[in-house]
Amino acid sequence: MTWQYHIETVPYHTHFQKSEATRSLNNFGEEGWELVTAHLKEEAGTLTLFFKRQHPPSPPVSKRIPEPSRKTPPAIVSVKKSRQ
C-alpha cells in the first residue's frame, strides 16, 4: 500500500470556529484524507494539520463495486468444443 501526504497550515486563535473546522475536516474526509496529527504553534498563531490517504485514492463508497457474498459459490461455466 502506498500513501500520499498533505500538510495544511491554518490560522489559529482563541475564538477558533469549531463549526468551520468540522466542515473543513469533513471535506478532507470526503476526498479520502485521514487526519494523522496536528501541531499547534501558539507563538505563530497557526495550526498545522497532517493528513494521509491511500495512493491512488479509493473510489467513494457509493461508487465501489460490491464484493460478492462469500456464501455464494463461484460460477461454473462449461464450454463444449464443436466438431468441425
PDB file of N, CA and C in Angstrom:
ATOM      1  N   MET A   1       0.845  -1.168   0.000  1.00  0.00           N
ATOM      2  CA  MET A   1       0.000   0.000   0.000  1.00  0.00           C
ATOM      3  C   MET A   1       0.894   1.235   0.000  1.00  0.00           C
ATOM      4  N   THR A   2       0.538   2.208  -0.798  1.00  0.00           N
ATOM      5  CA  THR A   2       1.292   3.449  -0.900  1.00  0.00           C
ATOM      6  C   THR A   2       0.445   4.584  -0.331  1.00  0.00           C
ATOM      7  N   TRP A   3       1.089   5.512   0.348  1.00  0.00           N
ATOM      8  CA  TRP A   3       0.384   6.635   0.968  1.00  0.00           C
ATOM      9  C   TRP A   3       0.756   7.940   0.303  1.00  0.00           C
ATOM     10  N   GLN A   4      -0.188   8.834   0.268  1.00  0.00           N
ATOM     11  CA  GLN A   4       0.003  10.195  -0.208  1.00  0.00           C
ATOM     12  C   GLN A   4      -0.214  11.099   1.011  1.00  0.00           C
ATOM     13  N   TYR A   5       0.599  12.141   1.147  1.00  0.00           N
ATOM     14  CA  TYR A   5       0.525  13.008   2.318  1.00  0.00           C
ATOM     15  C   TYR A   5       0.175  14.435   1.931  1.00  0.00           C
ATOM     16  N   HIS A   6      -0.479  15.138   2.868  1.00  0.00           N
ATOM     17  CA  HIS A   6      -0.861  16.533   2.645  1.00  0.00           C
ATOM     18  C   HIS A   6      -0.707  17.279   3.961  1.00  0.00           C
ATOM     19  N   ILE A   7      -0.116  18.460   3.915  1.00  0.00           N
ATOM     20  CA  ILE A   7       0.049  19.296   5.104  1.00  0.00           C
ATOM     21  C   ILE A   7      -0.704  20.596   4.868  1.00  0.00           C
ATOM     22  N   GLU A   8      -1.524  20.970   5.823  1.00  0.00           N
ATOM     23  CA  GLU A   8      -2.342  22.179   5.734  1.00  0.00           C
ATOM     24  C   GLU A   8      -2.059  23.021   6.974  1.00  0.00           C
ATOM     25  N   THR A   9      -1.654  24.278   6.792  1.00  0.00           N
ATOM     26  CA  THR A   9      -1.431  25.191   7.919  1.00  0.00           C
ATOM     27  C   THR A   9      -2.517  26.252   7.885  1.00  0.00           C
ATOM     28  N   VAL A  10      -3.201  26.391   9.021  1.00  0.00           N
ATOM     29  CA  VAL A  10      -4.318  27.337   9.106  1.00  0.00           C
ATOM     30  C   VAL A  10      -4.088  28.276  10.284  1.00  0.00           C
ATOM     31  N   PRO A  11      -4.638  29.507  10.197  1.00  0.00           N
ATOM     32  CA  PRO A  11      -4.510  30.421  11.332  1.00  0.00           C
ATOM     33  C   PRO A  11      -5.303  29.885  12.524  1.00  0.00           C
ATOM     34  N   TYR A  12      -4.780  30.101  13.708  1.00  0.00           N
ATOM     35  CA  TYR A  12      -5.443  29.639  14.921  1.00  0.00           C
ATOM     36  C   TYR A  12      -5.511  30.802  15.904  1.00  0.00           C
ATOM     37  N   HIS A  13      -6.669  30.951  16.513  1.00  0.00           N
ATOM     38  CA  HIS A  13      -6.841  31.984  17.527  1.00  0.00           C
ATOM     39  C   HIS A  13      -7.768  31.458  18.607  1.00  0.00           C
ATOM     40  N   THR A  14      -7.893  32.182  19.699  1.00  0.00           N
ATOM     41  CA  THR A  14      -8.651  31.685  20.851  1.00  0.00           C
ATOM     42  C   THR A  14     -10.133  31.500  20.548  1.00  0.00           C
ATOM     43  N   HIS A  15     -10.690  32.231  19.601  1.00  0.00           N
ATOM     44  CA  HIS A  15     -12.098  32.045  19.236  1.00  0.00           C
ATOM     45  C   HIS A  15     -12.226  31.226  17.945  1.00  0.00           C
ATOM     46  N   PHE A  16     -11.448  30.165  17.904  1.00  0.00           N
ATOM     47  CA  PHE A  16     -11.427  29.216  16.787  1.00  0.00           C
ATOM     48  C   PHE A  16     -12.842  28.679  16.547  1.00  0.00           C
ATOM     49  N   GLN A  17     -13.305  28.740  15.333  1.00  0.00           N
ATOM     50  CA  GLN A  17     -14.659  28.312  14.997  1.00  0.00           C
ATOM     51  C   GLN A  17     -14.717  26.802  14.790  1.00  0.00           C
ATOM     52  N   LYS A  18     -15.279  26.081  15.760  1.00  0.00           N
ATOM     53  CA  LYS A  18     -15.353  24.627  15.659  1.00  0.00           C
ATOM     54  C   LYS A  18     -16.210  24.184  14.482  1.00  0.00           C
ATOM     55  N   SER A  19     -17.285  24.909  14.192  1.00  0.00           N
ATOM     56  CA  SER A  19     -18.153  24.505  13.077  1.00  0.00           C
ATOM     57  C   SER A  19     -17.408  24.596  11.745  1.00  0.00           C
ATOM     58  N   GLU A  20     -16.597  25.643  11.577  1.00  0.00           N
ATOM     59  CA  GLU A  20     -15.804  25.777  10.343  1.00  0.00           C
ATOM     60  C   GLU A  20     -14.766  24.667  10.257  1.00  0.00           C
ATOM     61  N   ALA A  21     -14.124  24.366  11.376  1.00  0.00           N
ATOM     62  CA  ALA A  21     -13.100  23.313  11.392  1.00  0.00           C
ATOM     63  C   ALA A  21     -13.724  21.964  11.068  1.00  0.00           C
ATOM     64  N   THR A  22     -14.886  21.686  11.654  1.00  0.00           N
ATOM     65  CA  THR A  22     -15.576  20.422  11.395  1.00  0.00           C
ATOM     66  C   THR A  22     -15.935  20.298   9.923  1.00  0.00           C
ATOM     67  N   ARG A  23     -16.463  21.354   9.348  1.00  0.00           N
ATOM     68  CA  ARG A  23     -16.839  21.339   7.921  1.00  0.00           C
ATOM     69  C   ARG A  23     -15.610  21.100   7.051  1.00  0.00           C
ATOM     70  N   SER A  24     -14.514  21.770   7.370  1.00  0.00           N
ATOM     71  CA  SER A  24     -13.280  21.614   6.595  1.00  0.00           C
ATOM     72  C   SER A  24     -12.734  20.195   6.708  1.00  0.00           C
ATOM     73  N   LEU A  25     -12.705  19.645   7.926  1.00  0.00           N
ATOM     74  CA  LEU A  25     -12.212  18.276   8.116  1.00  0.00           C
ATOM     75  C   LEU A  25     -13.102  17.267   7.405  1.00  0.00           C
ATOM     76  N   ASN A  26     -14.409  17.482   7.423  1.00  0.00           N
ATOM     77  CA  ASN A  26     -15.320  16.582   6.704  1.00  0.00           C
ATOM     78  C   ASN A  26     -15.074  16.631   5.200  1.00  0.00           C
ATOM     79  N   ASN A  27     -14.754  17.806   4.677  1.00  0.00           N
ATOM     80  CA  ASN A  27     -14.446  17.927   3.245  1.00  0.00           C
ATOM     81  C   ASN A  27     -13.191  17.121   2.899  1.00  0.00           C
ATOM     82  N   PHE A  28     -12.168  17.226   3.736  1.00  0.00           N
ATOM     83  CA  PHE A  28     -10.961  16.432   3.507  1.00  0.00           C
ATOM     84  C   PHE A  28     -11.296  14.936   3.575  1.00  0.00           C
ATOM     85  N   GLY A  29     -12.124  14.553   4.543  1.00  0.00           N
ATOM     86  CA  GLY A  29     -12.508  13.154   4.690  1.00  0.00           C
ATOM     87  C   GLY A  29     -13.229  12.619   3.471  1.00  0.00           C
ATOM     88  N   GLU A  30     -14.097  13.433   2.877  1.00  0.00           N
ATOM     89  CA  GLU A  30     -14.821  13.014   1.668  1.00  0.00           C
ATOM     90  C   GLU A  30     -13.872  12.763   0.504  1.00  0.00           C
ATOM     91  N   GLU A  31     -12.721  13.416   0.521  1.00  0.00           N
ATOM     92  CA  GLU A  31     -11.716  13.229  -0.532  1.00  0.00           C
ATOM     93  C   GLU A  31     -10.753  12.098  -0.194  1.00  0.00           C
ATOM     94  N   GLY A  32     -11.011  11.390   0.920  1.00  0.00           N
ATOM     95  CA  GLY A  32     -10.192  10.245   1.279  1.00  0.00           C
ATOM     96  C   GLY A  32      -9.054  10.549   2.238  1.00  0.00           C
ATOM     97  N   TRP A  33      -8.924  11.812   2.673  1.00  0.00           N
ATOM     98  CA  TRP A  33      -7.838  12.187   3.572  1.00  0.00           C
ATOM     99  C   TRP A  33      -8.187  11.826   5.007  1.00  0.00           C
ATOM    100  N   GLU A  34      -7.204  11.328   5.740  1.00  0.00           N
ATOM    101  CA  GLU A  34      -7.337  10.995   7.151  1.00  0.00           C
ATOM    102  C   GLU A  34      -6.371  11.873   7.944  1.00  0.00           C
ATOM    103  N   LEU A  35      -6.895  12.559   8.973  1.00  0.00           N
ATOM    104  CA  LEU A  35      -6.040  13.400   9.815  1.00  0.00           C
ATOM    105  C   LEU A  35      -5.161  12.500  10.666  1.00  0.00           C
ATOM    106  N   VAL A  36      -3.841  12.684  10.560  1.00  0.00           N
ATOM    107  CA  VAL A  36      -2.897  11.863  11.308  1.00  0.00           C
ATOM    108  C   VAL A  36      -2.535  12.548  12.620  1.00  0.00           C
ATOM    109  N   THR A  37      -2.190  13.827  12.552  1.00  0.00           N
ATOM    110  CA  THR A  37      -1.836  14.581  13.756  1.00  0.00           C
ATOM    111  C   THR A  37      -1.974  16.071  13.469  1.00  0.00           C
ATOM    112  N   ALA A  38      -1.937  16.854  14.525  1.00  0.00           N
ATOM    113  CA  ALA A  38      -1.998  18.310  14.403  1.00  0.00           C
ATOM    114  C   ALA A  38      -0.952  18.904  15.338  1.00  0.00           C
ATOM    115  N   HIS A  39      -0.362  20.030  14.915  1.00  0.00           N
ATOM    116  CA  HIS A  39       0.668  20.694  15.710  1.00  0.00           C
ATOM    117  C   HIS A  39       0.304  22.166  15.849  1.00  0.00           C
ATOM    118  N   LEU A  40       0.117  22.608  17.099  1.00  0.00           N
ATOM    119  CA  LEU A  40      -0.241  23.991  17.386  1.00  0.00           C
ATOM    120  C   LEU A  40       1.015  24.791  17.708  1.00  0.00           C
ATOM    121  N   LYS A  41       1.193  25.897  16.986  1.00  0.00           N
ATOM    122  CA  LYS A  41       2.284  26.834  17.286  1.00  0.00           C
ATOM    123  C   LYS A  41       1.621  28.107  17.807  1.00  0.00           C
ATOM    124  N   GLU A  42       1.485  28.191  19.132  1.00  0.00           N
ATOM    125  CA  GLU A  42       0.787  29.334  19.721  1.00  0.00           C
ATOM    126  C   GLU A  42       1.483  30.656  19.412  1.00  0.00           C
ATOM    127  N   GLU A  43       2.835  30.663  19.469  1.00  0.00           N
ATOM    128  CA  GLU A  43       3.559  31.915  19.214  1.00  0.00           C
ATOM    129  C   GLU A  43       3.356  32.410  17.788  1.00  0.00           C
ATOM    130  N   ALA A  44       3.148  31.509  16.849  1.00  0.00           N
ATOM    131  CA  ALA A  44       2.920  31.887  15.446  1.00  0.00           C
ATOM    132  C   ALA A  44       1.430  32.032  15.149  1.00  0.00           C
ATOM    133  N   GLY A  45       0.582  31.503  16.036  1.00  0.00           N
ATOM    134  CA  GLY A  45      -0.863  31.571  15.813  1.00  0.00           C
ATOM    135  C   GLY A  45      -1.319  30.670  14.677  1.00  0.00           C
ATOM    136  N   THR A  46      -0.632  29.517  14.516  1.00  0.00           N
ATOM    137  CA  THR A  46      -1.002  28.606  13.431  1.00  0.00           C
ATOM    138  C   THR A  46      -1.232  27.195  13.960  1.00  0.00           C
ATOM    139  N   LEU A  47      -2.031  26.476  13.230  1.00  0.00           N
ATOM    140  CA  LEU A  47      -2.291  25.068  13.493  1.00  0.00           C
ATOM    141  C   LEU A  47      -1.936  24.318  12.214  1.00  0.00           C
ATOM    142  N   THR A  48      -1.016  23.375  12.307  1.00  0.00           N
ATOM    143  CA  THR A  48      -0.600  22.597  11.142  1.00  0.00           C
ATOM    144  C   THR A  48      -1.222  21.216  11.246  1.00  0.00           C
ATOM    145  N   LEU A  49      -1.929  20.821  10.199  1.00  0.00           N
ATOM    146  CA  LEU A  49      -2.624  19.542  10.145  1.00  0.00           C
ATOM    147  C   LEU A  49      -1.919  18.628   9.154  1.00  0.00           C
ATOM    148  N   PHE A  50      -1.689  17.391   9.559  1.00  0.00           N
ATOM    149  CA  PHE A  50      -1.009  16.411   8.715  1.00  0.00           C
ATOM    150  C   PHE A  50      -2.009  15.325   8.336  1.00  0.00           C
ATOM    151  N   PHE A  51      -2.215  15.132   7.025  1.00  0.00           N
ATOM    152  CA  PHE A  51      -3.169  14.165   6.509  1.00  0.00           C
ATOM    153  C   PHE A  51      -2.460  13.094   5.692  1.00  0.00           C
ATOM    154  N   LYS A  52      -3.109  11.945   5.537  1.00  0.00           N
ATOM    155  CA  LYS A  52      -2.629  10.907   4.622  1.00  0.00           C
ATOM    156  C   LYS A  52      -3.840  10.250   3.971  1.00  0.00           C
ATOM    157  N   ARG A  53      -3.612   9.644   2.805  1.00  0.00           N
ATOM    158  CA  ARG A  53      -4.633   8.836   2.138  1.00  0.00           C
ATOM    159  C   ARG A  53      -3.943   7.813   1.257  1.00  0.00           C
ATOM    160  N   GLN A  54      -4.699   6.778   0.917  1.00  0.00           N
ATOM    161  CA  GLN A  54      -4.161   5.747   0.031  1.00  0.00           C
ATOM    162  C   GLN A  54      -3.877   6.355  -1.320  1.00  0.00           C
ATOM    163  N   HIS A  55      -2.808   5.885  -1.941  1.00  0.00           N
ATOM    164  CA  HIS A  55      -2.480   6.359  -3.287  1.00  0.00           C
ATOM    165  C   HIS A  55      -2.391   5.165  -4.215  1.00  0.00           C
ATOM    166  N   PRO A  56      -3.130   5.081  -5.264  1.00  0.00           N
ATOM    167  CA  PRO A  56      -4.159   6.032  -5.674  1.00  0.00           C
ATOM    168  C   PRO A  56      -5.355   5.949  -4.734  1.00  0.00           C
ATOM    169  N   PRO A  57      -6.124   7.047  -4.635  1.00  0.00           N
ATOM    170  CA  PRO A  57      -7.255   7.059  -3.721  1.00  0.00           C
ATOM    171  C   PRO A  57      -8.282   5.994  -4.073  1.00  0.00           C
ATOM    172  N   SER A  58      -8.908   5.445  -3.055  1.00  0.00           N
ATOM    173  CA  SER A  58     -10.000   4.502  -3.263  1.00  0.00           C
ATOM    174  C   SER A  58     -11.208   5.274  -3.771  1.00  0.00           C
ATOM    175  N   PRO A  59     -12.036   4.648  -4.610  1.00  0.00           N
ATOM    176  CA  PRO A  59     -13.239   5.347  -5.068  1.00  0.00           C
ATOM    177  C   PRO A  59     -14.179   5.569  -3.889  1.00  0.00           C
ATOM    178  N   PRO A  60     -15.052   6.586  -3.971  1.00  0.00           N
ATOM    179  CA  PRO A  60     -16.021   6.793  -2.899  1.00  0.00           C
ATOM    180  C   PRO A  60     -16.844   5.529  -2.665  1.00  0.00           C
ATOM    181  N   VAL A  61     -17.306   5.345  -1.450  1.00  0.00           N
ATOM    182  CA  VAL A  61     -18.054   4.133  -1.084  1.00  0.00           C
ATOM    183  C   VAL A  61     -19.216   3.897  -2.031  1.00  0.00           C
ATOM    184  N   SER A  62     -19.912   4.955  -2.438  1.00  0.00           N
ATOM    185  CA  SER A  62     -21.080   4.801  -3.308  1.00  0.00           C
ATOM    186  C   SER A  62     -20.724   4.300  -4.701  1.00  0.00           C
ATOM    187  N   LYS A  63     -19.446   4.442  -5.117  1.00  0.00           N
ATOM    188  CA  LYS A  63     -19.050   4.035  -6.462  1.00  0.00           C
ATOM    189  C   LYS A  63     -18.262   2.733  -6.486  1.00  0.00           C
ATOM    190  N   ARG A  64     -18.053   2.117  -5.329  1.00  0.00           N
ATOM    191  CA  ARG A  64     -17.330   0.861  -5.283  1.00  0.00           C
ATOM    192  C   ARG A  64     -18.208  -0.277  -5.769  1.00  0.00           C
ATOM    193  N   ILE A  65     -17.596  -1.242  -6.408  1.00  0.00           N
ATOM    194  CA  ILE A  65     -18.311  -2.434  -6.860  1.00  0.00           C
ATOM    195  C   ILE A  65     -18.482  -3.339  -5.651  1.00  0.00           C
ATOM    196  N   PRO A  66     -19.707  -3.747  -5.361  1.00  0.00           N
ATOM    197  CA  PRO A  66     -19.889  -4.595  -4.184  1.00  0.00           C
ATOM    198  C   PRO A  66     -19.166  -5.925  -4.341  1.00  0.00           C
ATOM    199  N   GLU A  67     -18.595  -6.379  -3.241  1.00  0.00           N
ATOM    200  CA  GLU A  67     -17.908  -7.660  -3.262  1.00  0.00           C
ATOM    201  C   GLU A  67     -18.950  -8.767  -3.244  1.00  0.00           C
ATOM    202  N   PRO A  68     -18.686  -9.864  -3.941  1.00  0.00           N
ATOM    203  CA  PRO A  68     -19.651 -10.959  -3.913  1.00  0.00           C
ATOM    204  C   PRO A  68     -19.730 -11.557  -2.517  1.00  0.00           C
ATOM    205  N   SER A  69     -20.894 -12.061  -2.187  1.00  0.00           N
ATOM    206  CA  SER A  69     -21.088 -12.695  -0.891  1.00  0.00           C
ATOM    207  C   SER A  69     -20.216 -13.939  -0.808  1.00  0.00           C
ATOM    208  N   ARG A  70     -19.617 -14.172   0.325  1.00  0.00           N
ATOM    209  CA  ARG A  70     -18.762 -15.353   0.496  1.00  0.00           C
ATOM    210  C   ARG A  70     -19.596 -16.629   0.538  1.00  0.00           C
ATOM    211  N   LYS A  71     -20.905 -16.509   0.738  1.00  0.00           N
ATOM    212  CA  LYS A  71     -21.773 -17.679   0.777  1.00  0.00           C
ATOM    213  C   LYS A  71     -22.074 -18.205  -0.627  1.00  0.00           C
ATOM    214  N   THR A  72     -21.909 -17.335  -1.620  1.00  0.00           N
ATOM    215  CA  THR A  72     -22.205 -17.719  -2.995  1.00  0.00           C
ATOM    216  C   THR A  72     -20.997 -18.421  -3.598  1.00  0.00           C
ATOM    217  N   PRO A  73     -21.165 -19.651  -4.068  1.00  0.00           N
ATOM    218  CA  PRO A  73     -20.035 -20.337  -4.693  1.00  0.00           C
ATOM    219  C   PRO A  73     -19.695 -19.691  -6.030  1.00  0.00           C
ATOM    220  N   PRO A  74     -18.472 -19.844  -6.492  1.00  0.00           N
ATOM    221  CA  PRO A  74     -18.115 -19.265  -7.785  1.00  0.00           C
ATOM    222  C   PRO A  74     -18.910 -19.918  -8.913  1.00  0.00           C
ATOM    223  N   ALA A  75     -19.171 -19.136  -9.939  1.00  0.00           N
ATOM    224  CA  ALA A  75     -19.930 -19.656 -11.078  1.00  0.00           C
ATOM    225  C   ALA A  75     -19.100 -20.698 -11.822  1.00  0.00           C
ATOM    226  N   ILE A  76     -19.753 -21.760 -12.249  1.00  0.00           N
ATOM    227  CA  ILE A  76     -19.080 -22.800 -13.021  1.00  0.00           C
ATOM    228  C   ILE A  76     -19.589 -22.701 -14.446  1.00  0.00           C
ATOM    229  N   VAL A  77     -18.662 -22.585 -15.358  1.00  0.00           N
ATOM    230  CA  VAL A  77     -19.018 -22.441 -16.767  1.00  0.00           C
ATOM    231  C   VAL A  77     -18.412 -23.614 -17.512  1.00  0.00           C
ATOM    232  N   SER A  78     -19.251 -24.309 -18.257  1.00  0.00           N
ATOM    233  CA  SER A  78     -18.717 -25.401 -19.064  1.00  0.00           C
ATOM    234  C   SER A  78     -18.776 -24.991 -20.530  1.00  0.00           C
ATOM    235  N   VAL A  79     -17.741 -25.326 -21.241  1.00  0.00           N
ATOM    236  CA  VAL A  79     -17.646 -24.969 -22.654  1.00  0.00           C
ATOM    237  C   VAL A  79     -17.482 -26.263 -23.438  1.00  0.00           C
ATOM    238  N   LYS A  80     -18.351 -26.442 -24.427  1.00  0.00           N
ATOM    239  CA  LYS A  80     -18.251 -27.634 -25.276  1.00  0.00           C
ATOM    240  C   LYS A  80     -17.589 -27.231 -26.579  1.00  0.00           C
ATOM    241  N   LYS A  81     -16.648 -28.041 -26.995  1.00  0.00           N
ATOM    242  CA  LYS A  81     -15.989 -27.798 -28.267  1.00  0.00           C
ATOM    243  C   LYS A  81     -16.896 -28.352 -29.369  1.00  0.00           C
ATOM    244  N   SER A  82     -17.037 -27.580 -30.423  1.00  0.00           N
ATOM    245  CA  SER A  82     -17.842 -28.077 -31.540  1.00  0.00           C
ATOM    246  C   SER A  82     -16.927 -28.833 -32.494  1.00  0.00           C
ATOM    247  N   ARG A  83     -17.448 -29.896 -33.058  1.00  0.00           N
ATOM    248  CA  ARG A  83     -16.666 -30.689 -34.020  1.00  0.00           C
ATOM    249  C   ARG A  83     -16.886 -30.118 -35.403  1.00  0.00           C
ATOM    250  N   GLN A  84     -15.834 -30.004 -36.118  1.00  0.00           N
ATOM    251  CA  GLN A  84     -15.944 -29.457 -37.485  1.00  0.00           C
ATOM    252  C   GLN A  84     -15.616 -30.481 -38.518  1.00  0.00           C
TER     253      GLN A  84
END
